[in-house]
PDB file of N, CA and C in Angstrom:
ATOM      1  N   VAL A   1       1.356  -1.317  -0.114  1.00  0.00           N
ATOM      2  CA  VAL A   1      -0.319  -0.066   0.088  1.00  0.00           C
ATOM      3  C   VAL A   1       0.993   1.437   0.002  1.00  0.00           C
ATOM      4  N   GLN A   2       1.110   2.358  -1.035  1.00  0.00           N
ATOM      5  CA  GLN A   2       1.181   3.283  -0.720  1.00  0.00           C
ATOM      6  C   GLN A   2      -0.058   4.675   0.234  1.00  0.00           C
ATOM      7  N   LEU A   3       0.955   5.754   1.003  1.00  0.00           N
ATOM      8  CA  LEU A   3       0.560   6.665   1.493  1.00  0.00           C
ATOM      9  C   LEU A   3       0.535   7.502   1.563  1.00  0.00           C
ATOM     10  N   GLN A   4       0.535   8.938   1.205  1.00  0.00           N
ATOM     11  CA  GLN A   4       0.123  10.121   1.138  1.00  0.00           C
ATOM     12  C   GLN A   4       0.209  10.585   1.883  1.00  0.00           C
ATOM     13  N   ALA A   5       0.382  11.685   2.843  1.00  0.00           N
ATOM     14  CA  ALA A   5      -0.332  12.647   3.815  1.00  0.00           C
ATOM     15  C   ALA A   5      -0.348  13.861   3.761  1.00  0.00           C
ATOM     16  N   SER A   6      -1.053  14.321   4.255  1.00  0.00           N
ATOM     17  CA  SER A   6      -1.133  16.086   3.785  1.00  0.00           C
ATOM     18  C   SER A   6      -1.700  16.746   4.799  1.00  0.00           C
ATOM     19  N   GLY A   7      -1.758  18.107   5.137  1.00  0.00           N
ATOM     20  CA  GLY A   7      -3.171  18.484   4.965  1.00  0.00           C
ATOM     21  C   GLY A   7      -2.412  19.419   6.400  1.00  0.00           C
ATOM     22  N   GLY A   8      -0.767  19.399   6.237  1.00  0.00           N
ATOM     23  CA  GLY A   8      -0.276  20.335   7.250  1.00  0.00           C
ATOM     24  C   GLY A   8       0.035  21.613   7.358  1.00  0.00           C
ATOM     25  N   GLY A   9       0.691  22.465   7.827  1.00  0.00           N
ATOM     26  CA  GLY A   9       0.687  23.614   8.056  1.00  0.00           C
ATOM     27  C   GLY A   9       1.154  24.738   8.755  1.00  0.00           C
ATOM     28  N   LEU A  10       0.989  26.181   9.515  1.00  0.00           N
ATOM     29  CA  LEU A  10       1.881  26.495  10.028  1.00  0.00           C
ATOM     30  C   LEU A  10       0.279  27.056  10.652  1.00  0.00           C
ATOM     31  N   VAL A  11       0.109  27.240  12.276  1.00  0.00           N
ATOM     32  CA  VAL A  11      -1.217  27.417  12.882  1.00  0.00           C
ATOM     33  C   VAL A  11      -0.660  28.279  13.764  1.00  0.00           C
ATOM     34  N   GLN A  12      -1.801  29.061  14.757  1.00  0.00           N
ATOM     35  CA  GLN A  12      -0.971  29.841  16.491  1.00  0.00           C
ATOM     36  C   GLN A  12      -1.587  28.250  17.498  1.00  0.00           C
ATOM     37  N   ALA A  13      -0.945  28.576  17.836  1.00  0.00           N
ATOM     38  CA  ALA A  13      -1.849  27.524  19.507  1.00  0.00           C
ATOM     39  C   ALA A  13      -3.261  28.314  19.545  1.00  0.00           C
ATOM     40  N   GLY A  14      -3.563  27.332  19.674  1.00  0.00           N
ATOM     41  CA  GLY A  14      -5.507  26.877  19.618  1.00  0.00           C
ATOM     42  C   GLY A  14      -6.146  26.345  18.865  1.00  0.00           C
ATOM     43  N   GLY A  15      -5.220  26.661  17.592  1.00  0.00           N
ATOM     44  CA  GLY A  15      -5.563  26.621  16.434  1.00  0.00           C
ATOM     45  C   GLY A  15      -6.027  24.758  16.080  1.00  0.00           C
ATOM     46  N   SER A  16      -6.219  24.940  15.051  1.00  0.00           N
ATOM     47  CA  SER A  16      -6.923  23.088  14.480  1.00  0.00           C
ATOM     48  C   SER A  16      -6.414  23.092  13.351  1.00  0.00           C
ATOM     49  N   LEU A  17      -5.931  22.077  13.261  1.00  0.00           N
ATOM     50  CA  LEU A  17      -5.866  21.031  11.761  1.00  0.00           C
ATOM     51  C   LEU A  17      -5.965  19.753  11.631  1.00  0.00           C
ATOM     52  N   ARG A  18      -6.481  19.531  10.604  1.00  0.00           N
ATOM     53  CA  ARG A  18      -6.966  18.365   9.777  1.00  0.00           C
ATOM     54  C   ARG A  18      -5.442  17.590   9.401  1.00  0.00           C
ATOM     55  N   LEU A  19      -5.534  16.354   9.368  1.00  0.00           N
ATOM     56  CA  LEU A  19      -4.361  15.916   8.741  1.00  0.00           C
ATOM     57  C   LEU A  19      -4.909  14.557   7.520  1.00  0.00           C
ATOM     58  N   SER A  20      -4.974  14.616   6.459  1.00  0.00           N
ATOM     59  CA  SER A  20      -5.007  13.878   5.559  1.00  0.00           C
ATOM     60  C   SER A  20      -4.608  12.780   5.593  1.00  0.00           C
ATOM     61  N   CYS A  21      -4.573  10.764   5.150  1.00  0.00           N
ATOM     62  CA  CYS A  21      -3.586  10.279   5.031  1.00  0.00           C
ATOM     63  C   CYS A  21      -4.311   9.786   3.772  1.00  0.00           C
ATOM     64  N   ALA A  22      -3.770   9.577   2.875  1.00  0.00           N
ATOM     65  CA  ALA A  22      -4.289   8.758   2.066  1.00  0.00           C
ATOM     66  C   ALA A  22      -4.279   7.019   0.283  1.00  0.00           C
ATOM     67  N   ALA A  23      -4.670   6.674   1.149  1.00  0.00           N
ATOM     68  CA  ALA A  23      -3.741   5.177   0.567  1.00  0.00           C
ATOM     69  C   ALA A  23      -4.331   5.023  -0.653  1.00  0.00           C
ATOM     70  N   SER A  24      -3.428   4.255  -1.611  1.00  0.00           N
ATOM     71  CA  SER A  24      -3.822   3.308  -2.914  1.00  0.00           C
ATOM     72  C   SER A  24      -3.219   2.606  -2.863  1.00  0.00           C
ATOM     73  N   GLY A  25      -2.994   0.952  -4.273  1.00  0.00           N
ATOM     74  CA  GLY A  25      -2.619  -0.203  -4.245  1.00  0.00           C
ATOM     75  C   GLY A  25      -2.990  -0.913  -2.808  1.00  0.00           C
ATOM     76  N   GLY A  26      -4.349  -0.610  -2.077  1.00  0.00           N
ATOM     77  CA  GLY A  26      -4.294  -1.795  -0.796  1.00  0.00           C
ATOM     78  C   GLY A  26      -5.772  -1.023  -0.125  1.00  0.00           C
ATOM     79  N   THR A  27      -7.034  -1.582   0.644  1.00  0.00           N
ATOM     80  CA  THR A  27      -7.828  -1.218   1.188  1.00  0.00           C
ATOM     81  C   THR A  27      -7.477  -0.588   3.129  1.00  0.00           C
ATOM     82  N   ILE A  28      -7.747   0.575   3.446  1.00  0.00           N
ATOM     83  CA  ILE A  28      -7.343   0.830   4.419  1.00  0.00           C
ATOM     84  C   ILE A  28      -8.178   0.290   5.983  1.00  0.00           C
ATOM     85  N   SER A  29      -9.603  -0.016   5.083  1.00  0.00           N
ATOM     86  CA  SER A  29      -9.975  -1.146   6.274  1.00  0.00           C
ATOM     87  C   SER A  29      -9.795  -2.262   6.692  1.00  0.00           C
ATOM     88  N   ASP A  30      -8.486  -2.957   5.672  1.00  0.00           N
ATOM     89  CA  ASP A  30      -7.124  -4.360   6.333  1.00  0.00           C
ATOM     90  C   ASP A  30      -6.842  -4.299   6.566  1.00  0.00           C
ATOM     91  N   TYR A  31      -6.466  -2.663   7.148  1.00  0.00           N
ATOM     92  CA  TYR A  31      -5.083  -2.182   7.489  1.00  0.00           C
ATOM     93  C   TYR A  31      -4.730  -1.753   9.223  1.00  0.00           C
ATOM     94  N   ASN A  32      -4.503  -1.459   9.875  1.00  0.00           N
ATOM     95  CA  ASN A  32      -3.811  -0.949  10.979  1.00  0.00           C
ATOM     96  C   ASN A  32      -2.952  -0.174  10.416  1.00  0.00           C
ATOM     97  N   MET A  33      -3.931   1.558  11.101  1.00  0.00           N
ATOM     98  CA  MET A  33      -3.362   2.811  10.355  1.00  0.00           C
ATOM     99  C   MET A  33      -3.213   3.548  11.158  1.00  0.00           C
ATOM    100  N   GLY A  34      -1.891   3.670  11.456  1.00  0.00           N
ATOM    101  CA  GLY A  34      -1.074   5.415  12.907  1.00  0.00           C
ATOM    102  C   GLY A  34      -0.264   6.540  12.520  1.00  0.00           C
ATOM    103  N   TRP A  35      -1.023   6.763  13.654  1.00  0.00           N
ATOM    104  CA  TRP A  35      -0.174   8.673  12.872  1.00  0.00           C
ATOM    105  C   TRP A  35       0.963   8.395  13.901  1.00  0.00           C
ATOM    106  N   PHE A  36       2.212   8.867  13.090  1.00  0.00           N
ATOM    107  CA  PHE A  36       3.263   9.433  14.267  1.00  0.00           C
ATOM    108  C   PHE A  36       3.830  10.511  14.538  1.00  0.00           C
ATOM    109  N   ARG A  37       4.542  11.406  15.112  1.00  0.00           N
ATOM    110  CA  ARG A  37       5.192  12.323  14.169  1.00  0.00           C
ATOM    111  C   ARG A  37       6.961  12.318  15.221  1.00  0.00           C
ATOM    112  N   GLN A  38       7.454  13.022  14.602  1.00  0.00           N
ATOM    113  CA  GLN A  38       8.917  13.496  14.709  1.00  0.00           C
ATOM    114  C   GLN A  38       9.275  14.640  15.094  1.00  0.00           C
ATOM    115  N   ALA A  39       9.711  15.524  15.721  1.00  0.00           N
ATOM    116  CA  ALA A  39      10.105  16.483  16.176  1.00  0.00           C
ATOM    117  C   ALA A  39      11.648  16.946  15.993  1.00  0.00           C
ATOM    118  N   PRO A  40      12.412  17.652  15.899  1.00  0.00           N
ATOM    119  CA  PRO A  40      13.224  18.124  15.426  1.00  0.00           C
ATOM    120  C   PRO A  40      14.956  17.247  16.483  1.00  0.00           C
ATOM    121  N   GLY A  41      15.443  16.155  16.554  1.00  0.00           N
ATOM    122  CA  GLY A  41      16.699  15.900  17.705  1.00  0.00           C
ATOM    123  C   GLY A  41      15.483  15.265  18.373  1.00  0.00           C
ATOM    124  N   LYS A  42      14.251  15.055  18.157  1.00  0.00           N
ATOM    125  CA  LYS A  42      13.477  13.665  18.451  1.00  0.00           C
ATOM    126  C   LYS A  42      13.630  12.336  17.931  1.00  0.00           C
ATOM    127  N   GLN A  43      13.289  10.912  18.374  1.00  0.00           N
ATOM    128  CA  GLN A  43      12.435  10.013  17.773  1.00  0.00           C
ATOM    129  C   GLN A  43      11.353  10.234  17.547  1.00  0.00           C
ATOM    130  N   ARG A  44      10.272   8.944  16.863  1.00  0.00           N
ATOM    131  CA  ARG A  44       8.994   9.315  16.098  1.00  0.00           C
ATOM    132  C   ARG A  44       8.458   8.955  17.647  1.00  0.00           C
ATOM    133  N   GLU A  45       7.709   9.717  17.685  1.00  0.00           N
ATOM    134  CA  GLU A  45       6.126   8.991  18.856  1.00  0.00           C
ATOM    135  C   GLU A  45       5.176   8.815  17.886  1.00  0.00           C
ATOM    136  N   PHE A  46       4.383   8.403  18.617  1.00  0.00           N
ATOM    137  CA  PHE A  46       3.472   7.525  18.198  1.00  0.00           C
ATOM    138  C   PHE A  46       2.094   8.203  18.762  1.00  0.00           C
ATOM    139  N   VAL A  47       1.561   9.198  18.350  1.00  0.00           N
ATOM    140  CA  VAL A  47       0.571  10.071  18.142  1.00  0.00           C
ATOM    141  C   VAL A  47      -0.807   8.747  18.508  1.00  0.00           C
ATOM    142  N   ALA A  48      -1.931   7.814  17.277  1.00  0.00           N
ATOM    143  CA  ALA A  48      -2.664   7.199  17.441  1.00  0.00           C
ATOM    144  C   ALA A  48      -3.443   5.864  16.552  1.00  0.00           C
ATOM    145  N   VAL A  49      -3.997   5.061  16.736  1.00  0.00           N
ATOM    146  CA  VAL A  49      -3.414   3.672  15.615  1.00  0.00           C
ATOM    147  C   VAL A  49      -5.159   3.789  15.348  1.00  0.00           C
ATOM    148  N   ILE A  50      -6.153   3.379  14.488  1.00  0.00           N
ATOM    149  CA  ILE A  50      -7.146   3.027  14.436  1.00  0.00           C
ATOM    150  C   ILE A  50      -7.085   1.324  13.457  1.00  0.00           C
ATOM    151  N   ARG A  51      -7.814   0.730  14.226  1.00  0.00           N
ATOM    152  CA  ARG A  51      -6.874  -0.637  13.462  1.00  0.00           C
ATOM    153  C   ARG A  51      -8.238  -1.505  12.929  1.00  0.00           C
ATOM    154  N   TRP A  52      -7.998  -2.396  12.270  1.00  0.00           N
ATOM    155  CA  TRP A  52      -8.658  -2.635  11.164  1.00  0.00           C
ATOM    156  C   TRP A  52     -10.109  -2.943  11.141  1.00  0.00           C
ATOM    157  N   GLY A  53     -10.283  -3.613  12.634  1.00  0.00           N
ATOM    158  CA  GLY A  53     -11.565  -3.765  12.781  1.00  0.00           C
ATOM    159  C   GLY A  53     -12.064  -2.817  13.690  1.00  0.00           C
ATOM    160  N   GLY A  54     -11.971  -1.633  13.962  1.00  0.00           N
ATOM    161  CA  GLY A  54     -12.493  -1.220  14.476  1.00  0.00           C
ATOM    162  C   GLY A  54     -12.031  -0.730  15.678  1.00  0.00           C
ATOM    163  N   GLY A  55     -11.776   0.722  16.325  1.00  0.00           N
ATOM    164  CA  GLY A  55     -11.628   0.787  17.861  1.00  0.00           C
ATOM    165  C   GLY A  55     -10.057   1.146  17.259  1.00  0.00           C
ATOM    166  N   SER A  56     -10.140   2.538  18.822  1.00  0.00           N
ATOM    167  CA  SER A  56      -8.888   3.336  17.911  1.00  0.00           C
ATOM    168  C   SER A  56      -8.031   3.280  19.535  1.00  0.00           C
ATOM    169  N   ILE A  57      -6.955   3.709  19.565  1.00  0.00           N
ATOM    170  CA  ILE A  57      -5.757   4.197  20.750  1.00  0.00           C
ATOM    171  C   ILE A  57      -5.301   5.224  20.193  1.00  0.00           C
ATOM    172  N   TYR A  58      -4.651   5.612  21.649  1.00  0.00           N
ATOM    173  CA  TYR A  58      -4.177   7.407  21.905  1.00  0.00           C
ATOM    174  C   TYR A  58      -2.914   6.737  22.626  1.00  0.00           C
ATOM    175  N   ASN A  59      -2.307   7.791  22.329  1.00  0.00           N
ATOM    176  CA  ASN A  59      -1.192   7.966  23.424  1.00  0.00           C
ATOM    177  C   ASN A  59      -1.512   8.451  24.539  1.00  0.00           C
ATOM    178  N   ALA A  60      -0.575   8.955  25.583  1.00  0.00           N
ATOM    179  CA  ALA A  60      -1.199   9.891  27.083  1.00  0.00           C
ATOM    180  C   ALA A  60      -1.237  10.753  26.942  1.00  0.00           C
ATOM    181  N   ASP A  61      -1.071  11.864  25.909  1.00  0.00           N
ATOM    182  CA  ASP A  61      -0.619  12.975  25.425  1.00  0.00           C
ATOM    183  C   ASP A  61      -2.709  12.928  24.200  1.00  0.00           C
ATOM    184  N   SER A  62      -2.247  12.025  23.416  1.00  0.00           N
ATOM    185  CA  SER A  62      -3.760  12.221  22.572  1.00  0.00           C
ATOM    186  C   SER A  62      -5.517  12.324  23.298  1.00  0.00           C
ATOM    187  N   ARG A  63      -5.241  11.278  24.111  1.00  0.00           N
ATOM    188  CA  ARG A  63      -6.380  10.994  25.282  1.00  0.00           C
ATOM    189  C   ARG A  63      -6.961  12.039  25.790  1.00  0.00           C
ATOM    190  N   LYS A  64      -5.906  13.368  26.307  1.00  0.00           N
ATOM    191  CA  LYS A  64      -5.977  14.112  26.366  1.00  0.00           C
ATOM    192  C   LYS A  64      -7.941  14.772  25.987  1.00  0.00           C
ATOM    193  N   GLY A  65      -8.282  14.135  24.486  1.00  0.00           N
ATOM    194  CA  GLY A  65      -9.054  14.462  23.792  1.00  0.00           C
ATOM    195  C   GLY A  65      -8.811  15.250  22.592  1.00  0.00           C
ATOM    196  N   ARG A  66      -7.567  16.127  22.391  1.00  0.00           N
ATOM    197  CA  ARG A  66      -7.241  16.763  21.710  1.00  0.00           C
ATOM    198  C   ARG A  66      -7.202  16.197  20.198  1.00  0.00           C
ATOM    199  N   PHE A  67      -6.472  15.538  20.192  1.00  0.00           N
ATOM    200  CA  PHE A  67      -6.363  14.843  18.678  1.00  0.00           C
ATOM    201  C   PHE A  67      -8.105  13.181  18.129  1.00  0.00           C
ATOM    202  N   THR A  68      -8.088  13.037  17.397  1.00  0.00           N
ATOM    203  CA  THR A  68      -9.217  11.986  17.256  1.00  0.00           C
ATOM    204  C   THR A  68      -8.700  11.621  15.395  1.00  0.00           C
ATOM    205  N   ILE A  69      -8.678  10.383  15.611  1.00  0.00           N
ATOM    206  CA  ILE A  69      -8.258   9.388  14.475  1.00  0.00           C
ATOM    207  C   ILE A  69      -9.456   8.714  14.326  1.00  0.00           C
ATOM    208  N   SER A  70      -9.650   8.811  12.998  1.00  0.00           N
ATOM    209  CA  SER A  70     -10.789   8.778  12.042  1.00  0.00           C
ATOM    210  C   SER A  70     -10.470   8.637  10.907  1.00  0.00           C
ATOM    211  N   ARG A  71     -11.009   6.862   9.907  1.00  0.00           N
ATOM    212  CA  ARG A  71     -11.311   7.265   8.531  1.00  0.00           C
ATOM    213  C   ARG A  71     -12.886   7.017   7.818  1.00  0.00           C
ATOM    214  N   ASP A  72     -12.311   6.807   6.458  1.00  0.00           N
ATOM    215  CA  ASP A  72     -13.603   7.266   5.141  1.00  0.00           C
ATOM    216  C   ASP A  72     -12.576   5.450   4.155  1.00  0.00           C
ATOM    217  N   ASN A  73     -13.692   4.669   5.133  1.00  0.00           N
ATOM    218  CA  ASN A  73     -13.214   3.618   3.989  1.00  0.00           C
ATOM    219  C   ASN A  73     -13.877   4.209   2.516  1.00  0.00           C
ATOM    220  N   ALA A  74     -14.639   4.849   2.388  1.00  0.00           N
ATOM    221  CA  ALA A  74     -15.297   5.108   0.788  1.00  0.00           C
ATOM    222  C   ALA A  74     -13.867   5.432  -0.277  1.00  0.00           C
ATOM    223  N   LYS A  75     -13.058   6.615   1.181  1.00  0.00           N
ATOM    224  CA  LYS A  75     -12.402   7.651   0.624  1.00  0.00           C
ATOM    225  C   LYS A  75     -11.086   7.062   0.405  1.00  0.00           C
ATOM    226  N   ASN A  76     -10.869   5.768   1.240  1.00  0.00           N
ATOM    227  CA  ASN A  76      -9.701   5.186   1.798  1.00  0.00           C
ATOM    228  C   ASN A  76      -8.830   6.122   2.207  1.00  0.00           C
ATOM    229  N   THR A  77      -8.831   6.441   3.102  1.00  0.00           N
ATOM    230  CA  THR A  77      -8.488   7.848   3.936  1.00  0.00           C
ATOM    231  C   THR A  77      -8.503   8.084   6.043  1.00  0.00           C
ATOM    232  N   VAL A  78      -7.708   8.102   5.911  1.00  0.00           N
ATOM    233  CA  VAL A  78      -6.937   8.455   7.533  1.00  0.00           C
ATOM    234  C   VAL A  78      -7.432  10.124   7.771  1.00  0.00           C
ATOM    235  N   TYR A  79      -7.592  10.392   8.431  1.00  0.00           N
ATOM    236  CA  TYR A  79      -7.612  11.311   8.902  1.00  0.00           C
ATOM    237  C   TYR A  79      -7.358  11.735  10.513  1.00  0.00           C
ATOM    238  N   LEU A  80      -6.783  12.548  11.413  1.00  0.00           N
ATOM    239  CA  LEU A  80      -6.276  12.972  12.620  1.00  0.00           C
ATOM    240  C   LEU A  80      -7.152  14.351  12.392  1.00  0.00           C
ATOM    241  N   GLN A  81      -7.590  14.511  13.811  1.00  0.00           N
ATOM    242  CA  GLN A  81      -8.219  16.076  13.596  1.00  0.00           C
ATOM    243  C   GLN A  81      -8.005  16.369  14.769  1.00  0.00           C
ATOM    244  N   MET A  82      -6.972  17.422  14.796  1.00  0.00           N
ATOM    245  CA  MET A  82      -5.708  17.419  15.806  1.00  0.00           C
ATOM    246  C   MET A  82      -6.597  19.099  16.263  1.00  0.00           C
ATOM    247  N   ASN A  83      -6.523  19.698  17.417  1.00  0.00           N
ATOM    248  CA  ASN A  83      -7.487  20.000  18.203  1.00  0.00           C
ATOM    249  C   ASN A  83      -6.601  21.083  18.824  1.00  0.00           C
ATOM    250  N   SER A  84      -7.195  22.526  19.843  1.00  0.00           N
ATOM    251  CA  SER A  84      -5.873  23.217  20.888  1.00  0.00           C
ATOM    252  C   SER A  84      -4.371  22.817  20.191  1.00  0.00           C
ATOM    253  N   LEU A  85      -4.195  22.863  19.353  1.00  0.00           N
ATOM    254  CA  LEU A  85      -2.830  23.092  19.365  1.00  0.00           C
ATOM    255  C   LEU A  85      -1.849  23.355  19.571  1.00  0.00           C
ATOM    256  N   LYS A  86      -0.810  22.937  20.514  1.00  0.00           N
ATOM    257  CA  LYS A  86       0.035  23.317  21.028  1.00  0.00           C
ATOM    258  C   LYS A  86       1.584  23.789  20.381  1.00  0.00           C
ATOM    259  N   PRO A  87       2.431  24.349  20.880  1.00  0.00           N
ATOM    260  CA  PRO A  87       3.559  24.941  20.007  1.00  0.00           C
ATOM    261  C   PRO A  87       4.324  23.428  20.347  1.00  0.00           C
ATOM    262  N   GLU A  88       4.443  22.623  21.566  1.00  0.00           N
ATOM    263  CA  GLU A  88       5.097  21.299  21.637  1.00  0.00           C
ATOM    264  C   GLU A  88       4.775  20.802  20.122  1.00  0.00           C
ATOM    265  N   ASP A  89       4.095  20.770  19.702  1.00  0.00           N
ATOM    266  CA  ASP A  89       2.754  19.554  18.277  1.00  0.00           C
ATOM    267  C   ASP A  89       3.575  19.973  17.268  1.00  0.00           C
ATOM    268  N   THR A  90       4.305  20.839  17.031  1.00  0.00           N
ATOM    269  CA  THR A  90       4.924  20.994  15.928  1.00  0.00           C
ATOM    270  C   THR A  90       6.477  19.578  15.733  1.00  0.00           C
ATOM    271  N   ALA A  91       5.856  19.382  14.659  1.00  0.00           N
ATOM    272  CA  ALA A  91       6.898  18.386  14.245  1.00  0.00           C
ATOM    273  C   ALA A  91       6.273  17.915  13.562  1.00  0.00           C
ATOM    274  N   VAL A  92       7.043  16.549  12.443  1.00  0.00           N
ATOM    275  CA  VAL A  92       6.783  15.738  11.173  1.00  0.00           C
ATOM    276  C   VAL A  92       5.865  14.450  11.269  1.00  0.00           C
ATOM    277  N   TYR A  93       5.185  14.701  10.478  1.00  0.00           N
ATOM    278  CA  TYR A  93       3.465  14.107  11.229  1.00  0.00           C
ATOM    279  C   TYR A  93       3.797  12.890   9.868  1.00  0.00           C
ATOM    280  N   TYR A  94       2.976  11.504  10.309  1.00  0.00           N
ATOM    281  CA  TYR A  94       3.834   9.997   9.317  1.00  0.00           C
ATOM    282  C   TYR A  94       2.586  10.120   9.861  1.00  0.00           C
ATOM    283  N   CYS A  95       2.104   8.749   8.627  1.00  0.00           N
ATOM    284  CA  CYS A  95       1.096   7.904   8.721  1.00  0.00           C
ATOM    285  C   CYS A  95       1.612   6.142   8.399  1.00  0.00           C
ATOM    286  N   ALA A  96       0.934   5.988   8.941  1.00  0.00           N
ATOM    287  CA  ALA A  96       2.076   4.121   8.421  1.00  0.00           C
ATOM    288  C   ALA A  96       0.402   2.763   8.576  1.00  0.00           C
ATOM    289  N   ALA A  97       0.448   1.810   8.668  1.00  0.00           N
ATOM    290  CA  ALA A  97       0.069   1.182   8.091  1.00  0.00           C
ATOM    291  C   ALA A  97       0.762  -0.065   8.212  1.00  0.00           C
ATOM    292  N   ASP A  98       0.257  -1.162   8.705  1.00  0.00           N
ATOM    293  CA  ASP A  98       0.611  -2.589   8.751  1.00  0.00           C
ATOM    294  C   ASP A  98      -0.559  -3.319   8.879  1.00  0.00           C
ATOM    295  N   LEU A  99      -0.578  -4.297   8.230  1.00  0.00           N
ATOM    296  CA  LEU A  99      -1.438  -5.987   8.076  1.00  0.00           C
ATOM    297  C   LEU A  99      -1.633  -5.979   9.683  1.00  0.00           C
ATOM    298  N   THR A 100      -1.002  -6.385   9.912  1.00  0.00           N
ATOM    299  CA  THR A 100      -1.133  -7.495  10.860  1.00  0.00           C
ATOM    300  C   THR A 100      -0.250  -6.902  12.972  1.00  0.00           C
ATOM    301  N   ILE A 101       0.051  -5.843  12.957  1.00  0.00           N
ATOM    302  CA  ILE A 101       0.811  -5.458  14.311  1.00  0.00           C
ATOM    303  C   ILE A 101       0.391  -5.650  15.228  1.00  0.00           C
ATOM    304  N   VAL A 102       0.179  -5.347  16.563  1.00  0.00           N
ATOM    305  CA  VAL A 102      -0.327  -6.242  18.211  1.00  0.00           C
ATOM    306  C   VAL A 102       0.688  -4.949  18.241  1.00  0.00           C
ATOM    307  N   ASP A 103       2.040  -4.401  17.947  1.00  0.00           N
ATOM    308  CA  ASP A 103       2.176  -3.754  19.131  1.00  0.00           C
ATOM    309  C   ASP A 103       2.541  -2.084  17.881  1.00  0.00           C
ATOM    310  N   PHE A 104       0.521  -1.415  18.523  1.00  0.00           N
ATOM    311  CA  PHE A 104       0.924  -0.383  17.858  1.00  0.00           C
ATOM    312  C   PHE A 104       1.502   1.014  18.115  1.00  0.00           C
ATOM    313  N   SER A 105       2.156   0.841  19.129  1.00  0.00           N
ATOM    314  CA  SER A 105       3.002   2.405  19.190  1.00  0.00           C
ATOM    315  C   SER A 105       4.753   1.581  19.265  1.00  0.00           C
ATOM    316  N   ASN A 106       5.316   1.210  18.095  1.00  0.00           N
ATOM    317  CA  ASN A 106       6.358   0.808  18.029  1.00  0.00           C
ATOM    318  C   ASN A 106       6.607   1.412  16.502  1.00  0.00           C
ATOM    319  N   ALA A 107       7.207   1.799  16.049  1.00  0.00           N
ATOM    320  CA  ALA A 107       6.919   2.463  14.949  1.00  0.00           C
ATOM    321  C   ALA A 107       7.934   1.613  13.164  1.00  0.00           C
ATOM    322  N   ASN A 108       8.915   1.019  14.668  1.00  0.00           N
ATOM    323  CA  ASN A 108       9.677  -0.467  13.714  1.00  0.00           C
ATOM    324  C   ASN A 108       8.564  -1.061  12.841  1.00  0.00           C
ATOM    325  N   LYS A 109       7.612  -1.697  14.103  1.00  0.00           N
ATOM    326  CA  LYS A 109       7.073  -3.145  13.500  1.00  0.00           C
ATOM    327  C   LYS A 109       5.681  -2.762  12.519  1.00  0.00           C
ATOM    328  N   TYR A 110       6.375  -1.159  11.702  1.00  0.00           N
ATOM    329  CA  TYR A 110       4.644  -0.507  10.566  1.00  0.00           C
ATOM    330  C   TYR A 110       5.567  -0.868   9.019  1.00  0.00           C
ATOM    331  N   ALA A 111       5.146  -1.623   8.479  1.00  0.00           N
ATOM    332  CA  ALA A 111       5.714  -1.724   7.270  1.00  0.00           C
ATOM    333  C   ALA A 111       5.453  -0.850   6.286  1.00  0.00           C
ATOM    334  N   PHE A 112       4.164   0.028   6.221  1.00  0.00           N
ATOM    335  CA  PHE A 112       4.476   0.602   4.965  1.00  0.00           C
ATOM    336  C   PHE A 112       4.551   2.443   5.928  1.00  0.00           C
ATOM    337  N   TRP A 113       5.014   3.230   4.874  1.00  0.00           N
ATOM    338  CA  TRP A 113       4.955   4.805   5.900  1.00  0.00           C
ATOM    339  C   TRP A 113       4.467   5.907   4.618  1.00  0.00           C
ATOM    340  N   GLY A 114       4.378   6.745   5.461  1.00  0.00           N
ATOM    341  CA  GLY A 114       4.213   7.599   4.166  1.00  0.00           C
ATOM    342  C   GLY A 114       4.696   8.394   4.148  1.00  0.00           C
ATOM    343  N   GLN A 115       5.585  10.290   3.827  1.00  0.00           N
ATOM    344  CA  GLN A 115       6.533  10.530   3.558  1.00  0.00           C
ATOM    345  C   GLN A 115       6.124  12.049   4.631  1.00  0.00           C
ATOM    346  N   GLY A 116       5.018  12.091   5.295  1.00  0.00           N
ATOM    347  CA  GLY A 116       4.761  12.823   6.032  1.00  0.00           C
ATOM    348  C   GLY A 116       4.459  14.398   5.852  1.00  0.00           C
ATOM    349  N   THR A 117       4.367  14.658   6.896  1.00  0.00           N
ATOM    350  CA  THR A 117       3.412  16.580   6.461  1.00  0.00           C
ATOM    351  C   THR A 117       3.868  17.079   7.244  1.00  0.00           C
ATOM    352  N   GLN A 118       4.597  18.442   7.800  1.00  0.00           N
ATOM    353  CA  GLN A 118       5.335  18.888   8.629  1.00  0.00           C
ATOM    354  C   GLN A 118       4.212  20.052   9.135  1.00  0.00           C
ATOM    355  N   VAL A 119       4.023  19.788   9.826  1.00  0.00           N
ATOM    356  CA  VAL A 119       2.640  21.211  11.280  1.00  0.00           C
ATOM    357  C   VAL A 119       3.877  21.446  12.032  1.00  0.00           C
ATOM    358  N   THR A 120       3.703  23.235  11.848  1.00  0.00           N
ATOM    359  CA  THR A 120       4.154  23.920  12.868  1.00  0.00           C
ATOM    360  C   THR A 120       3.309  24.823  13.505  1.00  0.00           C
ATOM    361  N   VAL A 121       3.452  24.776  14.497  1.00  0.00           N
ATOM    362  CA  VAL A 121       2.211  25.571  15.671  1.00  0.00           C
ATOM    363  C   VAL A 121       3.355  26.873  16.494  1.00  0.00           C
ATOM    364  N   SER A 122       2.313  27.656  16.230  1.00  0.00           N
ATOM    365  CA  SER A 122       3.095  29.109  16.663  1.00  0.00           C
ATOM    366  C   SER A 122       2.617  29.862  17.756  1.00  0.00           C
ATOM    367  N   SER A 123       3.840  29.983  18.809  1.00  0.00           N
ATOM    368  CA  SER A 123       2.980  30.743  20.439  1.00  0.00           C
ATOM    369  C   SER A 123       2.163  32.114  19.738  1.00  0.00           C
TER     370      SER A 123
END
């Protein structure tokens, strides 16, 4: 499956962005679809995953309700809605996919990656 992330940009603190991850060559409902982010000088960090069978898992910060992962099977696209953005959310955001992963927060376990989209939050 090929993944194309988009929707990043520059936003002020407190603002919102919706990232999209369009898939081709595969059906997203067959895959566990994750979002990660990587800030300069830091390791890639798990944000959220939506599992092939439904249900989603978030990291501790995302569980506070600022981020929501969803998918539109008809459009073969996964979204990450980000609200109340903070400067510390600044990073390159990546979408990832895997058929059989169980260790959802481990970036090394995902087989497929998109190219990343930059999110910059100004204070």
